[in-house]
Amino acid sequence: AFLGQEERHNVEEVLKNWDLTRFAYDAPEKTTFVRG
């Protein structure tokens, strides 16, 4: 019941940007969602 549009947006951003891990393999200097 606590899941709303903010959580949906965050999941969509992670999937759109392939931020599924703590580091981006093609851009190690990037702060991914997980690392953030």
PDB file of all heavy atoms in Angstrom:
ATOM      1  N   ALA A   1       0.820  -1.219   0.000  1.00  0.00           N
ATOM      2  CA  ALA A   1       0.000   0.000   0.000  1.00  0.00           C
ATOM      3  C   ALA A   1       0.851   1.265   0.000  1.00  0.00           C
ATOM      4  O   ALA A   1       0.369   2.341  -0.339  1.00  0.00           O
ATOM      5  CB  ALA A   1      -0.931   0.004   1.211  1.00  0.00           C
ATOM      6  N   PHE A   2       2.139   1.143   0.350  1.00  0.00           N
ATOM      7  CA  PHE A   2       3.015   2.316   0.410  1.00  0.00           C
ATOM      8  C   PHE A   2       3.699   2.597  -0.916  1.00  0.00           C
ATOM      9  O   PHE A   2       4.435   3.562  -1.043  1.00  0.00           O
ATOM     10  CB  PHE A   2       4.057   2.148   1.512  1.00  0.00           C
ATOM     11  CG  PHE A   2       3.437   2.047   2.879  1.00  0.00           C
ATOM     12  CD1 PHE A   2       3.359   0.823   3.511  1.00  0.00           C
ATOM     13  CD2 PHE A   2       2.911   3.169   3.510  1.00  0.00           C
ATOM     14  CE1 PHE A   2       2.772   0.718   4.762  1.00  0.00           C
ATOM     15  CE2 PHE A   2       2.322   3.072   4.754  1.00  0.00           C
ATOM     16  CZ  PHE A   2       2.242   1.842   5.383  1.00  0.00           C
ATOM     17  N   LEU A   3       3.513   1.733  -1.911  1.00  0.00           N
ATOM     18  CA  LEU A   3       4.128   1.946  -3.217  1.00  0.00           C
ATOM     19  C   LEU A   3       3.265   2.894  -4.031  1.00  0.00           C
ATOM     20  O   LEU A   3       2.058   2.706  -4.151  1.00  0.00           O
ATOM     21  CB  LEU A   3       4.291   0.623  -3.964  1.00  0.00           C
ATOM     22  CG  LEU A   3       5.199  -0.403  -3.302  1.00  0.00           C
ATOM     23  CD1 LEU A   3       5.228  -1.685  -4.123  1.00  0.00           C
ATOM     24  CD2 LEU A   3       6.596   0.143  -3.118  1.00  0.00           C
ATOM     25  N   GLY A   4       3.918   3.897  -4.597  1.00  0.00           N
ATOM     26  CA  GLY A   4       3.177   4.882  -5.372  1.00  0.00           C
ATOM     27  C   GLY A   4       3.922   5.266  -6.638  1.00  0.00           C
ATOM     28  O   GLY A   4       4.802   4.543  -7.119  1.00  0.00           O
ATOM     29  N   GLN A   5       3.599   6.438  -7.168  1.00  0.00           N
ATOM     30  CA  GLN A   5       4.194   6.900  -8.416  1.00  0.00           C
ATOM     31  C   GLN A   5       5.696   7.144  -8.295  1.00  0.00           C
ATOM     32  O   GLN A   5       6.443   6.931  -9.243  1.00  0.00           O
ATOM     33  CB  GLN A   5       3.480   8.154  -8.910  1.00  0.00           C
ATOM     34  CG  GLN A   5       2.068   7.886  -9.404  1.00  0.00           C
ATOM     35  CD  GLN A   5       2.045   6.809 -10.477  1.00  0.00           C
ATOM     36  OE1 GLN A   5       2.792   6.856 -11.453  1.00  0.00           O
ATOM     37  NE2 GLN A   5       1.190   5.804 -10.290  1.00  0.00           N
ATOM     38  N   GLU A   6       6.170   7.596  -7.137  1.00  0.00           N
ATOM     39  CA  GLU A   6       7.606   7.836  -6.958  1.00  0.00           C
ATOM     40  C   GLU A   6       8.393   6.534  -7.106  1.00  0.00           C
ATOM     41  O   GLU A   6       9.429   6.494  -7.769  1.00  0.00           O
ATOM     42  CB  GLU A   6       7.885   8.466  -5.599  1.00  0.00           C
ATOM     43  CG  GLU A   6       9.352   8.815  -5.393  1.00  0.00           C
ATOM     44  CD  GLU A   6       9.624   9.474  -4.054  1.00  0.00           C
ATOM     45  OE1 GLU A   6       8.692   9.680  -3.259  1.00  0.00           O
ATOM     46  OE2 GLU A   6      10.799   9.787  -3.805  1.00  0.00           O
ATOM     47  N   GLU A   7       7.892   5.474  -6.494  1.00  0.00           N
ATOM     48  CA  GLU A   7       8.569   4.179  -6.609  1.00  0.00           C
ATOM     49  C   GLU A   7       8.517   3.661  -8.043  1.00  0.00           C
ATOM     50  O   GLU A   7       9.511   3.138  -8.563  1.00  0.00           O
ATOM     51  CB  GLU A   7       7.934   3.153  -5.653  1.00  0.00           C
ATOM     52  CG  GLU A   7       8.232   3.411  -4.192  1.00  0.00           C
ATOM     53  CD  GLU A   7       7.421   4.550  -3.575  1.00  0.00           C
ATOM     54  OE1 GLU A   7       6.371   4.946  -4.155  1.00  0.00           O
ATOM     55  OE2 GLU A   7       7.827   5.051  -2.524  1.00  0.00           O
ATOM     56  N   ARG A   8       7.388   3.834  -8.702  1.00  0.00           N
ATOM     57  CA  ARG A   8       7.260   3.421 -10.107  1.00  0.00           C
ATOM     58  C   ARG A   8       8.270   4.182 -10.974  1.00  0.00           C
ATOM     59  O   ARG A   8       8.958   3.602 -11.798  1.00  0.00           O
ATOM     60  CB  ARG A   8       5.841   3.653 -10.630  1.00  0.00           C
ATOM     61  CG  ARG A   8       5.671   3.310 -12.111  1.00  0.00           C
ATOM     62  CD  ARG A   8       4.259   3.587 -12.601  1.00  0.00           C
ATOM     63  NE  ARG A   8       3.287   2.759 -11.943  1.00  0.00           N
ATOM     64  CZ  ARG A   8       2.990   1.509 -12.304  1.00  0.00           C
ATOM     65  NH1 ARG A   8       3.616   0.950 -13.301  1.00  0.00           N
ATOM     66  NH2 ARG A   8       2.071   0.828 -11.658  1.00  0.00           N
ATOM     67  N   HIS A   9       8.371   5.481 -10.738  1.00  0.00           N
ATOM     68  CA  HIS A   9       9.307   6.316 -11.493  1.00  0.00           C
ATOM     69  C   HIS A   9      10.747   5.830 -11.276  1.00  0.00           C
ATOM     70  O   HIS A   9      11.527   5.726 -12.228  1.00  0.00           O
ATOM     71  CB  HIS A   9       9.162   7.788 -11.091  1.00  0.00           C
ATOM     72  CG  HIS A   9      10.233   8.664 -11.643  1.00  0.00           C
ATOM     73  ND1 HIS A   9      10.261   9.065 -12.967  1.00  0.00           N
ATOM     74  CD2 HIS A   9      11.341   9.189 -11.066  1.00  0.00           C
ATOM     75  CE1 HIS A   9      11.337   9.801 -13.170  1.00  0.00           C
ATOM     76  NE2 HIS A   9      12.012   9.892 -12.026  1.00  0.00           N
ATOM     77  N   ASN A  10      11.109   5.557 -10.011  1.00  0.00           N
ATOM     78  CA  ASN A  10      12.470   5.100  -9.716  1.00  0.00           C
ATOM     79  C   ASN A  10      12.791   3.786 -10.416  1.00  0.00           C
ATOM     80  O   ASN A  10      13.878   3.628 -10.981  1.00  0.00           O
ATOM     81  CB  ASN A  10      12.683   4.961  -8.206  1.00  0.00           C
ATOM     82  CG  ASN A  10      12.745   6.290  -7.498  1.00  0.00           C
ATOM     83  OD1 ASN A  10      12.997   7.324  -8.117  1.00  0.00           O
ATOM     84  ND2 ASN A  10      12.514   6.277  -6.207  1.00  0.00           N
ATOM     85  N   VAL A  11      11.863   2.848 -10.381  1.00  0.00           N
ATOM     86  CA  VAL A  11      12.079   1.555 -11.052  1.00  0.00           C
ATOM     87  C   VAL A  11      12.227   1.768 -12.555  1.00  0.00           C
ATOM     88  O   VAL A  11      13.122   1.201 -13.188  1.00  0.00           O
ATOM     89  CB  VAL A  11      10.929   0.572 -10.746  1.00  0.00           C
ATOM     90  CG1 VAL A  11      10.997  -0.653 -11.652  1.00  0.00           C
ATOM     91  CG2 VAL A  11      10.958   0.162  -9.282  1.00  0.00           C
ATOM     92  N   GLU A  12      11.382   2.602 -13.132  1.00  0.00           N
ATOM     93  CA  GLU A  12      11.464   2.869 -14.572  1.00  0.00           C
ATOM     94  C   GLU A  12      12.794   3.522 -14.943  1.00  0.00           C
ATOM     95  O   GLU A  12      13.387   3.195 -15.972  1.00  0.00           O
ATOM     96  CB  GLU A  12      10.276   3.723 -15.015  1.00  0.00           C
ATOM     97  CG  GLU A  12       8.971   2.938 -15.005  1.00  0.00           C
ATOM     98  CD  GLU A  12       7.743   3.795 -15.247  1.00  0.00           C
ATOM     99  OE1 GLU A  12       7.854   5.051 -15.286  1.00  0.00           O
ATOM    100  OE2 GLU A  12       6.651   3.213 -15.378  1.00  0.00           O
ATOM    101  N   GLU A  13      13.295   4.439 -14.101  1.00  0.00           N
ATOM    102  CA  GLU A  13      14.587   5.083 -14.362  1.00  0.00           C
ATOM    103  C   GLU A  13      15.731   4.071 -14.311  1.00  0.00           C
ATOM    104  O   GLU A  13      16.639   4.106 -15.142  1.00  0.00           O
ATOM    105  CB  GLU A  13      14.833   6.219 -13.356  1.00  0.00           C
ATOM    106  CG  GLU A  13      14.047   7.472 -13.641  1.00  0.00           C
ATOM    107  CD  GLU A  13      14.418   8.098 -14.980  1.00  0.00           C
ATOM    108  OE1 GLU A  13      15.607   8.356 -15.228  1.00  0.00           O
ATOM    109  OE2 GLU A  13      13.484   8.320 -15.781  1.00  0.00           O
ATOM    110  N   VAL A  14      15.707   3.197 -13.333  1.00  0.00           N
ATOM    111  CA  VAL A  14      16.746   2.168 -13.212  1.00  0.00           C
ATOM    112  C   VAL A  14      16.747   1.288 -14.452  1.00  0.00           C
ATOM    113  O   VAL A  14      17.800   1.021 -15.043  1.00  0.00           O
ATOM    114  CB  VAL A  14      16.541   1.319 -11.936  1.00  0.00           C
ATOM    115  CG1 VAL A  14      17.387   0.056 -11.974  1.00  0.00           C
ATOM    116  CG2 VAL A  14      16.871   2.139 -10.697  1.00  0.00           C
ATOM    117  N   LEU A  15      15.581   0.856 -14.878  1.00  0.00           N
ATOM    118  CA  LEU A  15      15.496  -0.012 -16.058  1.00  0.00           C
ATOM    119  C   LEU A  15      15.871   0.732 -17.338  1.00  0.00           C
ATOM    120  O   LEU A  15      16.583   0.198 -18.190  1.00  0.00           O
ATOM    121  CB  LEU A  15      14.095  -0.611 -16.175  1.00  0.00           C
ATOM    122  CG  LEU A  15      13.706  -1.591 -15.068  1.00  0.00           C
ATOM    123  CD1 LEU A  15      12.247  -1.999 -15.207  1.00  0.00           C
ATOM    124  CD2 LEU A  15      14.617  -2.798 -15.065  1.00  0.00           C
ATOM    125  N   LYS A  16      15.426   1.979 -17.471  1.00  0.00           N
ATOM    126  CA  LYS A  16      15.729   2.768 -18.670  1.00  0.00           C
ATOM    127  C   LYS A  16      17.231   3.003 -18.815  1.00  0.00           C
ATOM    128  O   LYS A  16      17.783   2.930 -19.909  1.00  0.00           O
ATOM    129  CB  LYS A  16      14.980   4.106 -18.612  1.00  0.00           C
ATOM    130  CG  LYS A  16      15.204   4.987 -19.839  1.00  0.00           C
ATOM    131  CD  LYS A  16      14.387   6.257 -19.762  1.00  0.00           C
ATOM    132  CE  LYS A  16      15.136   7.218 -18.873  1.00  0.00           C
ATOM    133  NZ  LYS A  16      14.532   8.534 -18.760  1.00  0.00           N
ATOM    134  N   ASN A  17      17.911   3.248 -17.706  1.00  0.00           N
ATOM    135  CA  ASN A  17      19.340   3.572 -17.737  1.00  0.00           C
ATOM    136  C   ASN A  17      20.255   2.374 -17.470  1.00  0.00           C
ATOM    137  O   ASN A  17      21.467   2.526 -17.397  1.00  0.00           O
ATOM    138  CB  ASN A  17      19.647   4.671 -16.708  1.00  0.00           C
ATOM    139  CG  ASN A  17      18.945   5.956 -17.047  1.00  0.00           C
ATOM    140  OD1 ASN A  17      18.927   6.386 -18.197  1.00  0.00           O
ATOM    141  ND2 ASN A  17      18.335   6.577 -16.054  1.00  0.00           N
ATOM    142  N   TRP A  18      19.660   1.196 -17.294  1.00  0.00           N
ATOM    143  CA  TRP A  18      20.433  -0.028 -16.990  1.00  0.00           C
ATOM    144  C   TRP A  18      21.279   0.148 -15.738  1.00  0.00           C
ATOM    145  O   TRP A  18      22.411  -0.314 -15.655  1.00  0.00           O
ATOM    146  CB  TRP A  18      21.300  -0.446 -18.192  1.00  0.00           C
ATOM    147  CG  TRP A  18      20.466  -0.966 -19.309  1.00  0.00           C
ATOM    148  CD1 TRP A  18      20.024  -0.246 -20.384  1.00  0.00           C
ATOM    149  CD2 TRP A  18      19.932  -2.271 -19.441  1.00  0.00           C
ATOM    150  NE1 TRP A  18      19.248  -1.032 -21.183  1.00  0.00           N
ATOM    151  CE2 TRP A  18      19.178  -2.297 -20.637  1.00  0.00           C
ATOM    152  CE3 TRP A  18      20.004  -3.440 -18.696  1.00  0.00           C
ATOM    153  CZ2 TRP A  18      18.511  -3.435 -21.080  1.00  0.00           C
ATOM    154  CZ3 TRP A  18      19.350  -4.566 -19.136  1.00  0.00           C
ATOM    155  CH2 TRP A  18      18.615  -4.559 -20.319  1.00  0.00           C
ATOM    156  N   ASP A  19      20.725   0.818 -14.744  1.00  0.00           N
ATOM    157  CA  ASP A  19      21.410   1.056 -13.469  1.00  0.00           C
ATOM    158  C   ASP A  19      21.128  -0.071 -12.472  1.00  0.00           C
ATOM    159  O   ASP A  19      20.752   0.157 -11.335  1.00  0.00           O
ATOM    160  CB  ASP A  19      20.946   2.377 -12.847  1.00  0.00           C
ATOM    161  CG  ASP A  19      21.605   3.587 -13.460  1.00  0.00           C
ATOM    162  OD1 ASP A  19      22.547   3.413 -14.242  1.00  0.00           O
ATOM    163  OD2 ASP A  19      21.170   4.704 -13.146  1.00  0.00           O
ATOM    164  N   LEU A  20      21.312  -1.302 -12.891  1.00  0.00           N
ATOM    165  CA  LEU A  20      20.975  -2.446 -12.050  1.00  0.00           C
ATOM    166  C   LEU A  20      22.086  -2.829 -11.077  1.00  0.00           C
ATOM    167  O   LEU A  20      21.895  -3.675 -10.210  1.00  0.00           O
ATOM    168  CB  LEU A  20      20.626  -3.655 -12.918  1.00  0.00           C
ATOM    169  CG  LEU A  20      19.434  -3.462 -13.857  1.00  0.00           C
ATOM    170  CD1 LEU A  20      19.296  -4.655 -14.787  1.00  0.00           C
ATOM    171  CD2 LEU A  20      18.165  -3.266 -13.054  1.00  0.00           C
ATOM    172  N   THR A  21      23.258  -2.256 -11.210  1.00  0.00           N
ATOM    173  CA  THR A  21      24.385  -2.576 -10.337  1.00  0.00           C
ATOM    174  C   THR A  21      24.965  -1.293  -9.756  1.00  0.00           C
ATOM    175  O   THR A  21      24.593  -0.190 -10.157  1.00  0.00           O
ATOM    176  CB  THR A  21      25.495  -3.319 -11.108  1.00  0.00           C
ATOM    177  OG1 THR A  21      25.959  -2.489 -12.167  1.00  0.00           O
ATOM    178  CG2 THR A  21      24.974  -4.629 -11.688  1.00  0.00           C
ATOM    179  N   ARG A  22      25.921  -1.442  -8.845  1.00  0.00           N
ATOM    180  CA  ARG A  22      26.470  -0.259  -8.190  1.00  0.00           C
ATOM    181  C   ARG A  22      27.383   0.542  -9.098  1.00  0.00           C
ATOM    182  O   ARG A  22      27.610   1.714  -8.865  1.00  0.00           O
ATOM    183  CB  ARG A  22      27.158  -0.642  -6.889  1.00  0.00           C
ATOM    184  CG  ARG A  22      28.377  -1.504  -7.042  1.00  0.00           C
ATOM    185  CD  ARG A  22      28.861  -2.068  -5.708  1.00  0.00           C
ATOM    186  NE  ARG A  22      28.888  -1.083  -4.660  1.00  0.00           N
ATOM    187  CZ  ARG A  22      29.960  -0.763  -3.966  1.00  0.00           C
ATOM    188  NH1 ARG A  22      31.087  -1.364  -4.192  1.00  0.00           N
ATOM    189  NH2 ARG A  22      29.912   0.136  -3.035  1.00  0.00           N
ATOM    190  N   PHE A  23      27.965  -0.075 -10.137  1.00  0.00           N
ATOM    191  CA  PHE A  23      28.831   0.644 -11.065  1.00  0.00           C
ATOM    192  C   PHE A  23      28.379   0.403 -12.495  1.00  0.00           C
ATOM    193  O   PHE A  23      27.969  -0.694 -12.841  1.00  0.00           O
ATOM    194  CB  PHE A  23      30.297   0.209 -10.917  1.00  0.00           C
ATOM    195  CG  PHE A  23      30.865   0.514  -9.569  1.00  0.00           C
ATOM    196  CD1 PHE A  23      31.184  -0.501  -8.693  1.00  0.00           C
ATOM    197  CD2 PHE A  23      31.071   1.828  -9.168  1.00  0.00           C
ATOM    198  CE1 PHE A  23      31.705  -0.215  -7.437  1.00  0.00           C
ATOM    199  CE2 PHE A  23      31.584   2.122  -7.913  1.00  0.00           C
ATOM    200  CZ  PHE A  23      31.895   1.095  -7.048  1.00  0.00           C
ATOM    201  N   ALA A  24      28.475   1.422 -13.324  1.00  0.00           N
ATOM    202  CA  ALA A  24      28.161   1.284 -14.744  1.00  0.00           C
ATOM    203  C   ALA A  24      29.415   0.771 -15.443  1.00  0.00           C
ATOM    204  O   ALA A  24      30.473   1.387 -15.360  1.00  0.00           O
ATOM    205  CB  ALA A  24      27.733   2.630 -15.325  1.00  0.00           C
ATOM    206  N   TYR A  25      29.291  -0.354 -16.108  1.00  0.00           N
ATOM    207  CA  TYR A  25      30.462  -0.972 -16.722  1.00  0.00           C
ATOM    208  C   TYR A  25      31.075  -0.119 -17.827  1.00  0.00           C
ATOM    209  O   TYR A  25      32.274  -0.093 -17.999  1.00  0.00           O
ATOM    210  CB  TYR A  25      30.103  -2.360 -17.267  1.00  0.00           C
ATOM    211  CG  TYR A  25      29.736  -3.302 -16.175  1.00  0.00           C
ATOM    212  CD1 TYR A  25      28.418  -3.682 -15.970  1.00  0.00           C
ATOM    213  CD2 TYR A  25      30.695  -3.796 -15.303  1.00  0.00           C
ATOM    214  CE1 TYR A  25      28.075  -4.535 -14.943  1.00  0.00           C
ATOM    215  CE2 TYR A  25      30.371  -4.637 -14.266  1.00  0.00           C
ATOM    216  CZ  TYR A  25      29.061  -5.018 -14.095  1.00  0.00           C
ATOM    217  OH  TYR A  25      28.726  -5.850 -13.070  1.00  0.00           O
ATOM    218  N   ASP A  26      30.244   0.614 -18.550  1.00  0.00           N
ATOM    219  CA  ASP A  26      30.759   1.425 -19.650  1.00  0.00           C
ATOM    220  C   ASP A  26      31.131   2.846 -19.214  1.00  0.00           C
ATOM    221  O   ASP A  26      31.705   3.601 -19.981  1.00  0.00           O
ATOM    222  CB  ASP A  26      29.755   1.467 -20.803  1.00  0.00           C
ATOM    223  CG  ASP A  26      28.400   2.001 -20.376  1.00  0.00           C
ATOM    224  OD1 ASP A  26      28.139   2.076 -19.159  1.00  0.00           O
ATOM    225  OD2 ASP A  26      27.599   2.325 -21.258  1.00  0.00           O
ATOM    226  N   ALA A  27      30.812   3.212 -17.964  1.00  0.00           N
ATOM    227  CA  ALA A  27      31.134   4.552 -17.462  1.00  0.00           C
ATOM    228  C   ALA A  27      31.368   4.474 -15.952  1.00  0.00           C
ATOM    229  O   ALA A  27      30.512   4.837 -15.154  1.00  0.00           O
ATOM    230  CB  ALA A  27      29.990   5.523 -17.776  1.00  0.00           C
ATOM    231  N   PRO A  28      32.544   3.962 -15.525  1.00  0.00           N
ATOM    232  CA  PRO A  28      32.804   3.746 -14.099  1.00  0.00           C
ATOM    233  C   PRO A  28      32.673   4.987 -13.226  1.00  0.00           C
ATOM    234  O   PRO A  28      32.430   4.881 -12.037  1.00  0.00           O
ATOM    235  CB  PRO A  28      34.230   3.215 -14.059  1.00  0.00           C
ATOM    236  CG  PRO A  28      34.647   2.993 -15.446  1.00  0.00           C
ATOM    237  CD  PRO A  28      33.652   3.608 -16.371  1.00  0.00           C
ATOM    238  N   GLU A  29      32.812   6.162 -13.824  1.00  0.00           N
ATOM    239  CA  GLU A  29      32.720   7.393 -13.036  1.00  0.00           C
ATOM    240  C   GLU A  29      31.269   7.792 -12.761  1.00  0.00           C
ATOM    241  O   GLU A  29      30.991   8.655 -11.938  1.00  0.00           O
ATOM    242  CB  GLU A  29      33.451   8.538 -13.749  1.00  0.00           C
ATOM    243  CG  GLU A  29      32.776   9.061 -15.005  1.00  0.00           C
ATOM    244  CD  GLU A  29      32.881   8.140 -16.236  1.00  0.00           C
ATOM    245  OE1 GLU A  29      33.679   7.190 -16.217  1.00  0.00           O
ATOM    246  OE2 GLU A  29      32.152   8.397 -17.206  1.00  0.00           O
ATOM    247  N   LYS A  30      30.312   7.150 -13.427  1.00  0.00           N
ATOM    248  CA  LYS A  30      28.898   7.469 -13.277  1.00  0.00           C
ATOM    249  C   LYS A  30      28.388   6.969 -11.920  1.00  0.00           C
ATOM    250  O   LYS A  30      28.739   5.893 -11.474  1.00  0.00           O
ATOM    251  CB  LYS A  30      28.101   6.795 -14.393  1.00  0.00           C
ATOM    252  CG  LYS A  30      26.620   7.013 -14.292  1.00  0.00           C
ATOM    253  CD  LYS A  30      25.871   6.262 -15.371  1.00  0.00           C
ATOM    254  CE  LYS A  30      24.387   6.447 -15.173  1.00  0.00           C
ATOM    255  NZ  LYS A  30      23.616   5.531 -15.964  1.00  0.00           N
ATOM    256  N   THR A  31      27.571   7.778 -11.269  1.00  0.00           N
ATOM    257  CA  THR A  31      26.916   7.350 -10.036  1.00  0.00           C
ATOM    258  C   THR A  31      25.574   6.740 -10.409  1.00  0.00           C
ATOM    259  O   THR A  31      24.653   7.458 -10.795  1.00  0.00           O
ATOM    260  CB  THR A  31      26.726   8.527  -9.066  1.00  0.00           C
ATOM    261  OG1 THR A  31      28.004   9.062  -8.745  1.00  0.00           O
ATOM    262  CG2 THR A  31      26.034   8.081  -7.793  1.00  0.00           C
ATOM    263  N   THR A  32      25.494   5.426 -10.318  1.00  0.00           N
ATOM    264  CA  THR A  32      24.242   4.745 -10.637  1.00  0.00           C
ATOM    265  C   THR A  32      23.247   4.936  -9.498  1.00  0.00           C
ATOM    266  O   THR A  32      23.592   5.423  -8.424  1.00  0.00           O
ATOM    267  CB  THR A  32      24.476   3.233 -10.842  1.00  0.00           C
ATOM    268  OG1 THR A  32      24.912   2.668  -9.595  1.00  0.00           O
ATOM    269  CG2 THR A  32      25.492   2.965 -11.937  1.00  0.00           C
ATOM    270  N   PHE A  33      22.013   4.528  -9.730  1.00  0.00           N
ATOM    271  CA  PHE A  33      20.970   4.623  -8.715  1.00  0.00           C
ATOM    272  C   PHE A  33      21.376   3.839  -7.468  1.00  0.00           C
ATOM    273  O   PHE A  33      21.229   4.305  -6.341  1.00  0.00           O
ATOM    274  CB  PHE A  33      19.648   4.092  -9.282  1.00  0.00           C
ATOM    275  CG  PHE A  33      18.455   4.402  -8.432  1.00  0.00           C
ATOM    276  CD1 PHE A  33      17.770   5.597  -8.582  1.00  0.00           C
ATOM    277  CD2 PHE A  33      18.008   3.507  -7.473  1.00  0.00           C
ATOM    278  CE1 PHE A  33      16.668   5.890  -7.797  1.00  0.00           C
ATOM    279  CE2 PHE A  33      16.918   3.789  -6.683  1.00  0.00           C
ATOM    280  CZ  PHE A  33      16.242   4.985  -6.850  1.00  0.00           C
ATOM    281  N   VAL A  34      21.926   2.641  -7.668  1.00  0.00           N
ATOM    282  CA  VAL A  34      22.341   1.801  -6.542  1.00  0.00           C
ATOM    283  C   VAL A  34      23.471   2.466  -5.763  1.00  0.00           C
ATOM    284  O   VAL A  34      23.448   2.528  -4.530  1.00  0.00           O
ATOM    285  CB  VAL A  34      22.767   0.390  -7.021  1.00  0.00           C
ATOM    286  CG1 VAL A  34      23.322  -0.437  -5.882  1.00  0.00           C
ATOM    287  CG2 VAL A  34      21.601  -0.318  -7.690  1.00  0.00           C
ATOM    288  N   ARG A  35      24.475   2.986  -6.473  1.00  0.00           N
ATOM    289  CA  ARG A  35      25.592   3.645  -5.794  1.00  0.00           C
ATOM    290  C   ARG A  35      25.107   4.897  -5.072  1.00  0.00           C
ATOM    291  O   ARG A  35      25.569   5.216  -3.971  1.00  0.00           O
ATOM    292  CB  ARG A  35      26.711   3.991  -6.789  1.00  0.00           C
ATOM    293  CG  ARG A  35      27.928   4.565  -6.144  1.00  0.00           C
ATOM    294  CD  ARG A  35      28.616   3.543  -5.233  1.00  0.00           C
ATOM    295  NE  ARG A  35      29.734   4.167  -4.546  1.00  0.00           N
ATOM    296  CZ  ARG A  35      29.971   4.063  -3.254  1.00  0.00           C
ATOM    297  NH1 ARG A  35      29.203   3.313  -2.495  1.00  0.00           N
ATOM    298  NH2 ARG A  35      30.992   4.663  -2.709  1.00  0.00           N
ATOM    299  N   GLY A  36      24.151   5.613  -5.663  1.00  0.00           N
ATOM    300  CA  GLY A  36      23.568   6.780  -5.000  1.00  0.00           C
ATOM    301  C   GLY A  36      22.877   6.391  -3.697  1.00  0.00           C
ATOM    302  O   GLY A  36      22.975   7.101  -2.688  1.00  0.00           O
TER     303      GLY A  36
END
